[in-house]
Amino acid sequence: RDGFIDALVEAGFNRENIDVQNAQGEIPNCATIATKFVNDKVDLILAVATPAAQAAAQATTEIPILATAVTDFVSAGLVNSDEVPGGNVSGTSDMNPIEEQADLLVKLVPEAKTVGILYCSAEDNSILQAGLATAAFEARGLKVIPYTAADVNEIQPVTTKAVGEVDALYVPTDNLFAENMPTAALVAENAKIPVICGESGMVDSGGTATYGINYYKLAAAQAVEILVDGKDVGTVPVGFASVEDLEFAVNEANCEAIGLTLPEDLKG
């Protein structure tokens, strides 16, 4: 959100004309906000995360919609293809570098034999990432156990079950777990289980480490193309983070709490 707003202001837009609404993690609120934007006849909608993007797409087929923090636009039913979206939705994918994250887990926890994957069973993007992560970890000789939660009330019990059965945890860019990362992270930390996350915000909220994308940079270039240059959103390809935008993030306090020593090449 902040990256999007800052880039638009830098491009000459008035910050006061940007209406920010927060659904507070509740999907019904997404639909209400999307309807408000349509009734207000806004020029463009930015939707952060898949549920918000799907709600906006259901609310209008005319107003251009850009989405970010969406992993797979096609499987989420938002576009016909990444190359030619075809409708009124495009945006930037936050598909995280799962192979690199799997390598990171192996490097940080070389003695690990079993990895648990925590994700929400109701999020399409999380299901996709869990499948890719399972393949990545199994290719590295690790046993994988999936653990799913349907709502916030299941976060603590499912994480508690997981930490009793695995050597490390992996949490993809899952909206439910991202919103409730402090709860899951505290359970894992008390059990001295490292948590490799899908993105750096989850590390800041208590996870152990990640090699991921910079969300701040996944923002407004497409909006400028549409609002200033007059491009049809249906012809704007879905964007993906470049290798240069990937970053290593680590929670040193968590590492100390669980007794994890960083390899020398990851320090500093």
C-alpha atoms as a PDB file:
ATOM      1  CA  ARG A   1       0.000   0.000   0.000  1.00  0.00           C
ATOM      2  CA  ASP A   2       2.655   2.486   1.036  1.00  0.00           C
ATOM      3  CA  GLY A   3       4.810   1.752  -1.998  1.00  0.00           C
ATOM      4  CA  PHE A   4       1.819   2.226  -4.295  1.00  0.00           C
ATOM      5  CA  ILE A   5       0.828   5.539  -2.720  1.00  0.00           C
ATOM      6  CA  ASP A   6       4.372   6.919  -2.612  1.00  0.00           C
ATOM      7  CA  ALA A   7       4.974   6.052  -6.262  1.00  0.00           C
ATOM      8  CA  LEU A   8       1.703   7.683  -7.357  1.00  0.00           C
ATOM      9  CA  VAL A   9       2.490  10.844  -5.414  1.00  0.00           C
ATOM     10  CA  GLU A  10       5.937  10.914  -7.008  1.00  0.00           C
ATOM     11  CA  ALA A  11       4.195  10.648 -10.400  1.00  0.00           C
ATOM     12  CA  GLY A  12       2.165  13.763  -9.595  1.00  0.00           C
ATOM     13  CA  PHE A  13      -1.029  12.437  -8.052  1.00  0.00           C
ATOM     14  CA  ASN A  14      -2.582  14.119  -5.015  1.00  0.00           C
ATOM     15  CA  ARG A  15      -2.330  11.948  -1.902  1.00  0.00           C
ATOM     16  CA  GLU A  16      -5.691  13.325  -0.725  1.00  0.00           C
ATOM     17  CA  ASN A  17      -7.395  11.765  -3.758  1.00  0.00           C
ATOM     18  CA  ILE A  18      -6.300   8.253  -2.778  1.00  0.00           C
ATOM     19  CA  ASP A  19      -9.029   6.581  -0.713  1.00  0.00           C
ATOM     20  CA  VAL A  20      -7.563   3.875   1.537  1.00  0.00           C
ATOM     21  CA  GLN A  21      -9.943   1.316   3.028  1.00  0.00           C
ATOM     22  CA  ASN A  22      -8.905  -1.647   5.207  1.00  0.00           C
ATOM     23  CA  ALA A  23     -11.030  -4.798   5.308  1.00  0.00           C
ATOM     24  CA  GLN A  24      -9.359  -5.819   8.599  1.00  0.00           C
ATOM     25  CA  GLY A  25      -8.834  -9.342   7.301  1.00  0.00           C
ATOM     26  CA  GLU A  26     -12.579  -9.979   6.879  1.00  0.00           C
ATOM     27  CA  ILE A  27     -13.636 -11.153   3.397  1.00  0.00           C
ATOM     28  CA  PRO A  28     -17.225  -9.732   3.659  1.00  0.00           C
ATOM     29  CA  ASN A  29     -15.665  -6.312   4.263  1.00  0.00           C
ATOM     30  CA  CYS A  30     -13.800  -6.634   0.960  1.00  0.00           C
ATOM     31  CA  ALA A  31     -17.103  -6.835  -0.923  1.00  0.00           C
ATOM     32  CA  THR A  32     -18.505  -3.841   0.948  1.00  0.00           C
ATOM     33  CA  ILE A  33     -15.444  -1.731   0.188  1.00  0.00           C
ATOM     34  CA  ALA A  34     -15.399  -2.778  -3.467  1.00  0.00           C
ATOM     35  CA  THR A  35     -19.063  -1.771  -3.821  1.00  0.00           C
ATOM     36  CA  LYS A  36     -18.274   1.597  -2.233  1.00  0.00           C
ATOM     37  CA  PHE A  37     -15.481   2.227  -4.724  1.00  0.00           C
ATOM     38  CA  VAL A  38     -17.768   1.350  -7.643  1.00  0.00           C
ATOM     39  CA  ASN A  39     -20.509   3.661  -6.340  1.00  0.00           C
ATOM     40  CA  ASP A  40     -17.912   6.422  -5.911  1.00  0.00           C
ATOM     41  CA  LYS A  41     -16.910   5.950  -9.558  1.00  0.00           C
ATOM     42  CA  VAL A  42     -13.208   5.794  -8.786  1.00  0.00           C
ATOM     43  CA  ASP A  43     -10.748   5.790 -11.688  1.00  0.00           C
ATOM     44  CA  LEU A  44      -8.806   2.733 -10.536  1.00  0.00           C
ATOM     45  CA  ILE A  45      -8.892   0.184  -7.719  1.00  0.00           C
ATOM     46  CA  LEU A  46      -5.784  -1.270  -6.088  1.00  0.00           C
ATOM     47  CA  ALA A  47      -6.589  -4.539  -4.315  1.00  0.00           C
ATOM     48  CA  VAL A  48      -4.054  -5.950  -1.875  1.00  0.00           C
ATOM     49  CA  ALA A  49      -4.241  -9.767  -1.576  1.00  0.00           C
ATOM     50  CA  THR A  50      -6.371 -12.309  -3.410  1.00  0.00           C
ATOM     51  CA  PRO A  51      -9.672 -11.987  -1.479  1.00  0.00           C
ATOM     52  CA  ALA A  52      -9.691  -8.215  -2.030  1.00  0.00           C
ATOM     53  CA  ALA A  53      -8.892  -8.632  -5.726  1.00  0.00           C
ATOM     54  CA  GLN A  54     -11.635 -11.224  -6.200  1.00  0.00           C
ATOM     55  CA  ALA A  55     -14.157  -8.999  -4.420  1.00  0.00           C
ATOM     56  CA  ALA A  56     -13.243  -6.037  -6.625  1.00  0.00           C
ATOM     57  CA  ALA A  57     -13.464  -8.142  -9.780  1.00  0.00           C
ATOM     58  CA  GLN A  58     -16.930  -9.320  -8.774  1.00  0.00           C
ATOM     59  CA  ALA A  59     -18.025  -5.736  -8.112  1.00  0.00           C
ATOM     60  CA  THR A  60     -17.076  -4.264 -11.490  1.00  0.00           C
ATOM     61  CA  THR A  61     -16.050  -5.284 -14.990  1.00  0.00           C
ATOM     62  CA  GLU A  62     -15.458  -1.689 -16.093  1.00  0.00           C
ATOM     63  CA  ILE A  63     -13.215   0.077 -13.567  1.00  0.00           C
ATOM     64  CA  PRO A  64      -9.538  -0.910 -13.997  1.00  0.00           C
ATOM     65  CA  ILE A  65      -8.324  -3.082 -11.116  1.00  0.00           C
ATOM     66  CA  LEU A  66      -4.702  -3.639 -10.198  1.00  0.00           C
ATOM     67  CA  ALA A  67      -3.925  -6.307  -7.634  1.00  0.00           C
ATOM     68  CA  THR A  68      -0.794  -6.992  -5.632  1.00  0.00           C
ATOM     69  CA  ALA A  69       0.101  -9.646  -3.043  1.00  0.00           C
ATOM     70  CA  VAL A  70      -1.628 -12.163  -5.343  1.00  0.00           C
ATOM     71  CA  THR A  71       0.428 -15.248  -6.138  1.00  0.00           C
ATOM     72  CA  ASP A  72      -1.303 -16.735  -9.173  1.00  0.00           C
ATOM     73  CA  PHE A  73      -3.729 -14.476 -11.046  1.00  0.00           C
ATOM     74  CA  VAL A  74      -4.901 -17.256 -13.352  1.00  0.00           C
ATOM     75  CA  SER A  75      -5.768 -19.829 -10.681  1.00  0.00           C
ATOM     76  CA  ALA A  76      -7.483 -17.066  -8.679  1.00  0.00           C
ATOM     77  CA  GLY A  77      -9.789 -16.465 -11.656  1.00  0.00           C
ATOM     78  CA  LEU A  78      -8.647 -12.870 -12.117  1.00  0.00           C
ATOM     79  CA  VAL A  79      -7.103 -12.989 -15.611  1.00  0.00           C
ATOM     80  CA  ASN A  80      -7.175 -15.138 -18.732  1.00  0.00           C
ATOM     81  CA  SER A  81      -3.384 -15.298 -18.820  1.00  0.00           C
ATOM     82  CA  ASP A  82      -0.449 -13.480 -17.256  1.00  0.00           C
ATOM     83  CA  GLU A  83       0.688 -12.255 -20.667  1.00  0.00           C
ATOM     84  CA  VAL A  84      -2.717 -10.945 -21.844  1.00  0.00           C
ATOM     85  CA  PRO A  85      -5.105 -10.534 -18.871  1.00  0.00           C
ATOM     86  CA  GLY A  86      -8.008  -9.752 -21.201  1.00  0.00           C
ATOM     87  CA  GLY A  87     -10.470  -8.226 -18.732  1.00  0.00           C
ATOM     88  CA  ASN A  88     -10.278  -5.300 -16.335  1.00  0.00           C
ATOM     89  CA  VAL A  89      -7.744  -6.847 -13.920  1.00  0.00           C
ATOM     90  CA  SER A  90      -3.960  -6.996 -13.932  1.00  0.00           C
ATOM     91  CA  GLY A  91      -1.277  -6.365 -11.318  1.00  0.00           C
ATOM     92  CA  THR A  92       1.905  -7.754  -9.818  1.00  0.00           C
ATOM     93  CA  SER A  93       2.376 -11.290  -8.541  1.00  0.00           C
ATOM     94  CA  ASP A  94       4.025 -11.988  -5.223  1.00  0.00           C
ATOM     95  CA  MET A  95       5.012 -15.512  -6.190  1.00  0.00           C
ATOM     96  CA  ASN A  96       7.822 -16.066  -3.755  1.00  0.00           C
ATOM     97  CA  PRO A  97      11.104 -17.826  -4.577  1.00  0.00           C
ATOM     98  CA  ILE A  98      10.159 -21.170  -3.066  1.00  0.00           C
ATOM     99  CA  GLU A  99      13.238 -23.004  -4.334  1.00  0.00           C
ATOM    100  CA  GLU A 100      15.518 -20.410  -2.734  1.00  0.00           C
ATOM    101  CA  GLN A 101      13.487 -20.549   0.483  1.00  0.00           C
ATOM    102  CA  ALA A 102      13.800 -24.329   0.571  1.00  0.00           C
ATOM    103  CA  ASP A 103      17.563 -23.968   0.168  1.00  0.00           C
ATOM    104  CA  LEU A 104      17.562 -21.431   3.005  1.00  0.00           C
ATOM    105  CA  LEU A 105      15.765 -23.829   5.342  1.00  0.00           C
ATOM    106  CA  VAL A 106      18.232 -26.603   4.566  1.00  0.00           C
ATOM    107  CA  LYS A 107      21.130 -24.208   5.144  1.00  0.00           C
ATOM    108  CA  LEU A 108      19.807 -22.886   8.457  1.00  0.00           C
ATOM    109  CA  VAL A 109      18.582 -26.247   9.773  1.00  0.00           C
ATOM    110  CA  PRO A 110      20.825 -28.864   8.118  1.00  0.00           C
ATOM    111  CA  GLU A 111      19.797 -31.520  10.658  1.00  0.00           C
ATOM    112  CA  ALA A 112      16.088 -31.190   9.781  1.00  0.00           C
ATOM    113  CA  LYS A 113      14.385 -34.310   8.500  1.00  0.00           C
ATOM    114  CA  THR A 114      10.707 -33.282   8.651  1.00  0.00           C
ATOM    115  CA  VAL A 115       9.187 -29.966   7.571  1.00  0.00           C
ATOM    116  CA  GLY A 116       5.660 -28.825   8.341  1.00  0.00           C
ATOM    117  CA  ILE A 117       3.861 -26.453   5.971  1.00  0.00           C
ATOM    118  CA  LEU A 118       1.320 -24.153   7.649  1.00  0.00           C
ATOM    119  CA  TYR A 119      -1.345 -22.523   5.482  1.00  0.00           C
ATOM    120  CA  CYS A 120      -5.009 -21.634   5.176  1.00  0.00           C
ATOM    121  CA  SER A 121      -7.088 -24.322   3.484  1.00  0.00           C
ATOM    122  CA  ALA A 122      -9.449 -21.695   2.017  1.00  0.00           C
ATOM    123  CA  GLU A 123      -6.841 -19.661   0.102  1.00  0.00           C
ATOM    124  CA  ASP A 124      -6.173 -20.755  -3.485  1.00  0.00           C
ATOM    125  CA  ASN A 125      -2.755 -19.115  -3.584  1.00  0.00           C
ATOM    126  CA  SER A 126      -1.701 -20.859  -0.388  1.00  0.00           C
ATOM    127  CA  ILE A 127      -2.757 -24.241  -1.715  1.00  0.00           C
ATOM    128  CA  LEU A 128      -0.691 -23.611  -4.845  1.00  0.00           C
ATOM    129  CA  GLN A 129       2.369 -22.574  -2.837  1.00  0.00           C
ATOM    130  CA  ALA A 130       2.022 -25.505  -0.450  1.00  0.00           C
ATOM    131  CA  GLY A 131       2.146 -27.876  -3.411  1.00  0.00           C
ATOM    132  CA  LEU A 132       5.232 -26.211  -4.857  1.00  0.00           C
ATOM    133  CA  ALA A 133       6.922 -26.136  -1.460  1.00  0.00           C
ATOM    134  CA  THR A 134       6.151 -29.813  -0.864  1.00  0.00           C
ATOM    135  CA  ALA A 135       7.850 -30.711  -4.141  1.00  0.00           C
ATOM    136  CA  ALA A 136      10.832 -28.483  -3.332  1.00  0.00           C
ATOM    137  CA  PHE A 137      11.406 -29.948   0.138  1.00  0.00           C
ATOM    138  CA  GLU A 138      10.876 -33.539  -0.981  1.00  0.00           C
ATOM    139  CA  ALA A 139      13.410 -32.989  -3.770  1.00  0.00           C
ATOM    140  CA  ARG A 140      15.881 -32.121  -1.012  1.00  0.00           C
ATOM    141  CA  GLY A 141      15.186 -35.367   0.812  1.00  0.00           C
ATOM    142  CA  LEU A 142      12.876 -33.971   3.486  1.00  0.00           C
ATOM    143  CA  LYS A 143       9.598 -35.428   4.709  1.00  0.00           C
ATOM    144  CA  VAL A 144       6.727 -32.923   4.446  1.00  0.00           C
ATOM    145  CA  ILE A 145       3.600 -32.740   6.603  1.00  0.00           C
ATOM    146  CA  PRO A 146       0.851 -30.227   5.714  1.00  0.00           C
ATOM    147  CA  TYR A 147      -1.052 -28.398   8.475  1.00  0.00           C
ATOM    148  CA  THR A 148      -4.059 -26.281   7.579  1.00  0.00           C
ATOM    149  CA  ALA A 149      -6.240 -23.785   9.397  1.00  0.00           C
ATOM    150  CA  ALA A 150      -9.602 -22.483   8.206  1.00  0.00           C
ATOM    151  CA  ASP A 151      -9.817 -19.446  10.481  1.00  0.00           C
ATOM    152  CA  VAL A 152      -8.005 -17.521  13.201  1.00  0.00           C
ATOM    153  CA  ASN A 153      -9.293 -19.799  15.966  1.00  0.00           C
ATOM    154  CA  GLU A 154      -7.377 -22.748  14.484  1.00  0.00           C
ATOM    155  CA  ILE A 155      -4.003 -21.000  14.273  1.00  0.00           C
ATOM    156  CA  GLN A 156      -2.763 -21.823  17.769  1.00  0.00           C
ATOM    157  CA  PRO A 157      -3.956 -25.439  17.997  1.00  0.00           C
ATOM    158  CA  VAL A 158      -2.715 -26.417  14.534  1.00  0.00           C
ATOM    159  CA  THR A 159       0.669 -24.781  15.145  1.00  0.00           C
ATOM    160  CA  THR A 160       0.910 -26.507  18.531  1.00  0.00           C
ATOM    161  CA  LYS A 161       0.281 -29.848  16.840  1.00  0.00           C
ATOM    162  CA  ALA A 162       2.848 -29.091  14.153  1.00  0.00           C
ATOM    163  CA  VAL A 163       5.730 -28.152  16.443  1.00  0.00           C
ATOM    164  CA  GLY A 164       5.406 -31.492  18.194  1.00  0.00           C
ATOM    165  CA  GLU A 165       5.911 -33.398  14.955  1.00  0.00           C
ATOM    166  CA  VAL A 166       8.442 -31.509  12.802  1.00  0.00           C
ATOM    167  CA  ASP A 167      11.970 -30.090  12.865  1.00  0.00           C
ATOM    168  CA  ALA A 168      11.126 -26.856  11.021  1.00  0.00           C
ATOM    169  CA  LEU A 169       8.112 -24.983   9.688  1.00  0.00           C
ATOM    170  CA  TYR A 170       7.469 -23.245   6.377  1.00  0.00           C
ATOM    171  CA  VAL A 171       4.684 -20.659   6.017  1.00  0.00           C
ATOM    172  CA  PRO A 172       3.981 -19.344   2.490  1.00  0.00           C
ATOM    173  CA  THR A 173       2.561 -15.898   1.694  1.00  0.00           C
ATOM    174  CA  ASP A 174      -0.716 -16.857   3.300  1.00  0.00           C
ATOM    175  CA  ASN A 175      -3.071 -14.031   4.331  1.00  0.00           C
ATOM    176  CA  LEU A 176      -4.520 -15.785   7.386  1.00  0.00           C
ATOM    177  CA  PHE A 177      -1.137 -16.741   8.825  1.00  0.00           C
ATOM    178  CA  ALA A 178       0.428 -13.409   7.867  1.00  0.00           C
ATOM    179  CA  GLU A 179      -2.257 -11.588   9.857  1.00  0.00           C
ATOM    180  CA  ASN A 180      -1.772 -13.918  12.822  1.00  0.00           C
ATOM    181  CA  MET A 181       1.944 -14.595  12.583  1.00  0.00           C
ATOM    182  CA  PRO A 182       2.681 -13.459  16.160  1.00  0.00           C
ATOM    183  CA  THR A 183       0.434 -16.243  17.481  1.00  0.00           C
ATOM    184  CA  ALA A 184       1.985 -18.991  15.361  1.00  0.00           C
ATOM    185  CA  ALA A 185       5.507 -17.649  15.852  1.00  0.00           C
ATOM    186  CA  LEU A 186       5.214 -17.618  19.643  1.00  0.00           C
ATOM    187  CA  VAL A 187       4.131 -21.260  19.685  1.00  0.00           C
ATOM    188  CA  ALA A 188       7.044 -22.202  17.433  1.00  0.00           C
ATOM    189  CA  GLU A 189       9.546 -20.127  19.393  1.00  0.00           C
ATOM    190  CA  ASN A 190       8.535 -21.729  22.684  1.00  0.00           C
ATOM    191  CA  ALA A 191       9.119 -25.111  21.068  1.00  0.00           C
ATOM    192  CA  LYS A 192      12.437 -23.887  19.583  1.00  0.00           C
ATOM    193  CA  ILE A 193      11.249 -24.652  16.054  1.00  0.00           C
ATOM    194  CA  PRO A 194      12.505 -22.340  13.254  1.00  0.00           C
ATOM    195  CA  VAL A 195       9.936 -20.839  10.874  1.00  0.00           C
ATOM    196  CA  ILE A 196      10.936 -19.997   7.302  1.00  0.00           C
ATOM    197  CA  CYS A 197       8.411 -17.493   5.952  1.00  0.00           C
ATOM    198  CA  GLY A 198       7.151 -16.506   2.536  1.00  0.00           C
ATOM    199  CA  GLU A 199       7.888 -12.804   3.002  1.00  0.00           C
ATOM    200  CA  SER A 200       9.773 -10.413   5.266  1.00  0.00           C
ATOM    201  CA  GLY A 201       6.747  -8.937   7.052  1.00  0.00           C
ATOM    202  CA  MET A 202       6.120 -12.354   8.592  1.00  0.00           C
ATOM    203  CA  VAL A 203       9.732 -12.451   9.786  1.00  0.00           C
ATOM    204  CA  ASP A 204       9.204  -9.075  11.430  1.00  0.00           C
ATOM    205  CA  SER A 205       6.143 -10.555  13.165  1.00  0.00           C
ATOM    206  CA  GLY A 206       8.102 -13.369  14.791  1.00  0.00           C
ATOM    207  CA  GLY A 207       9.233 -15.763  12.074  1.00  0.00           C
ATOM    208  CA  THR A 208      12.859 -16.811  11.720  1.00  0.00           C
ATOM    209  CA  ALA A 209      14.010 -15.874   8.229  1.00  0.00           C
ATOM    210  CA  THR A 210      13.159 -15.637   4.555  1.00  0.00           C
ATOM    211  CA  TYR A 211      14.567 -14.946   1.160  1.00  0.00           C
ATOM    212  CA  GLY A 212      11.747 -13.066  -0.476  1.00  0.00           C
ATOM    213  CA  ILE A 213      10.422 -10.167  -2.485  1.00  0.00           C
ATOM    214  CA  ASN A 214      10.192  -6.505  -1.536  1.00  0.00           C
ATOM    215  CA  TYR A 215       6.475  -5.668  -1.427  1.00  0.00           C
ATOM    216  CA  TYR A 216       7.148  -1.932  -1.395  1.00  0.00           C
ATOM    217  CA  LYS A 217       8.504  -2.146  -4.946  1.00  0.00           C
ATOM    218  CA  LEU A 218       5.598  -4.200  -6.316  1.00  0.00           C
ATOM    219  CA  ALA A 219       3.419  -1.229  -6.941  1.00  0.00           C
ATOM    220  CA  ALA A 220       2.477   1.720  -9.073  1.00  0.00           C
ATOM    221  CA  ALA A 221       4.232   1.589 -12.463  1.00  0.00           C
ATOM    222  CA  GLN A 222       1.193  -0.122 -13.984  1.00  0.00           C
ATOM    223  CA  ALA A 223      -1.176   2.461 -12.470  1.00  0.00           C
ATOM    224  CA  VAL A 224       0.764   5.254 -14.150  1.00  0.00           C
ATOM    225  CA  GLU A 225       0.555   3.390 -17.465  1.00  0.00           C
ATOM    226  CA  ILE A 226      -3.226   3.159 -17.123  1.00  0.00           C
ATOM    227  CA  LEU A 227      -4.082   6.528 -15.583  1.00  0.00           C
ATOM    228  CA  VAL A 228      -1.512   8.680 -17.378  1.00  0.00           C
ATOM    229  CA  ASP A 229      -0.699   6.843 -20.597  1.00  0.00           C
ATOM    230  CA  GLY A 230      -4.239   5.571 -21.161  1.00  0.00           C
ATOM    231  CA  LYS A 231      -3.313   1.893 -21.473  1.00  0.00           C
ATOM    232  CA  ASP A 232      -6.086  -0.694 -21.390  1.00  0.00           C
ATOM    233  CA  VAL A 233      -5.602  -2.727 -18.198  1.00  0.00           C
ATOM    234  CA  GLY A 234      -6.539  -5.861 -20.128  1.00  0.00           C
ATOM    235  CA  THR A 235      -3.378  -5.486 -22.220  1.00  0.00           C
ATOM    236  CA  VAL A 236      -1.011  -4.853 -19.282  1.00  0.00           C
ATOM    237  CA  PRO A 237       0.807  -8.114 -18.466  1.00  0.00           C
ATOM    238  CA  VAL A 238       0.916  -9.349 -14.887  1.00  0.00           C
ATOM    239  CA  GLY A 239       4.262  -8.315 -13.424  1.00  0.00           C
ATOM    240  CA  PHE A 240       6.702 -10.414 -11.415  1.00  0.00           C
ATOM    241  CA  ALA A 241       9.494  -9.405  -9.047  1.00  0.00           C
ATOM    242  CA  SER A 242      12.948  -9.371 -10.577  1.00  0.00           C
ATOM    243  CA  VAL A 243      15.871 -11.230  -9.041  1.00  0.00           C
ATOM    244  CA  GLU A 244      17.317  -7.854  -8.025  1.00  0.00           C
ATOM    245  CA  ASP A 245      14.281  -7.218  -5.820  1.00  0.00           C
ATOM    246  CA  LEU A 246      14.760 -10.340  -3.682  1.00  0.00           C
ATOM    247  CA  GLU A 247      16.074  -9.778  -0.152  1.00  0.00           C
ATOM    248  CA  PHE A 248      17.235 -11.793   2.841  1.00  0.00           C
ATOM    249  CA  ALA A 249      15.445 -11.038   6.098  1.00  0.00           C
ATOM    250  CA  VAL A 250      16.194 -12.540   9.491  1.00  0.00           C
ATOM    251  CA  ASN A 251      14.769 -12.135  12.987  1.00  0.00           C
ATOM    252  CA  GLU A 252      17.873 -12.183  15.174  1.00  0.00           C
ATOM    253  CA  ALA A 253      15.857 -12.168  18.399  1.00  0.00           C
ATOM    254  CA  ASN A 254      14.026 -15.295  17.281  1.00  0.00           C
ATOM    255  CA  CYS A 255      17.287 -16.979  16.267  1.00  0.00           C
ATOM    256  CA  GLU A 256      18.680 -16.321  19.731  1.00  0.00           C
ATOM    257  CA  ALA A 257      15.506 -17.573  21.411  1.00  0.00           C
ATOM    258  CA  ILE A 258      15.515 -20.888  19.543  1.00  0.00           C
ATOM    259  CA  GLY A 259      19.284 -21.347  19.698  1.00  0.00           C
ATOM    260  CA  LEU A 260      19.900 -20.970  15.967  1.00  0.00           C
ATOM    261  CA  THR A 261      23.308 -19.723  14.812  1.00  0.00           C
ATOM    262  CA  LEU A 262      23.412 -18.052  11.422  1.00  0.00           C
ATOM    263  CA  PRO A 263      26.049 -19.214   8.926  1.00  0.00           C
ATOM    264  CA  GLU A 264      28.806 -16.629   8.537  1.00  0.00           C
ATOM    265  CA  ASP A 265      27.795 -15.681   4.986  1.00  0.00           C
ATOM    266  CA  LEU A 266      24.293 -14.687   6.191  1.00  0.00           C
ATOM    267  CA  LYS A 267      25.435 -12.476   9.035  1.00  0.00           C
ATOM    268  CA  GLY A 268      25.433  -8.688   8.762  1.00  0.00           C
END
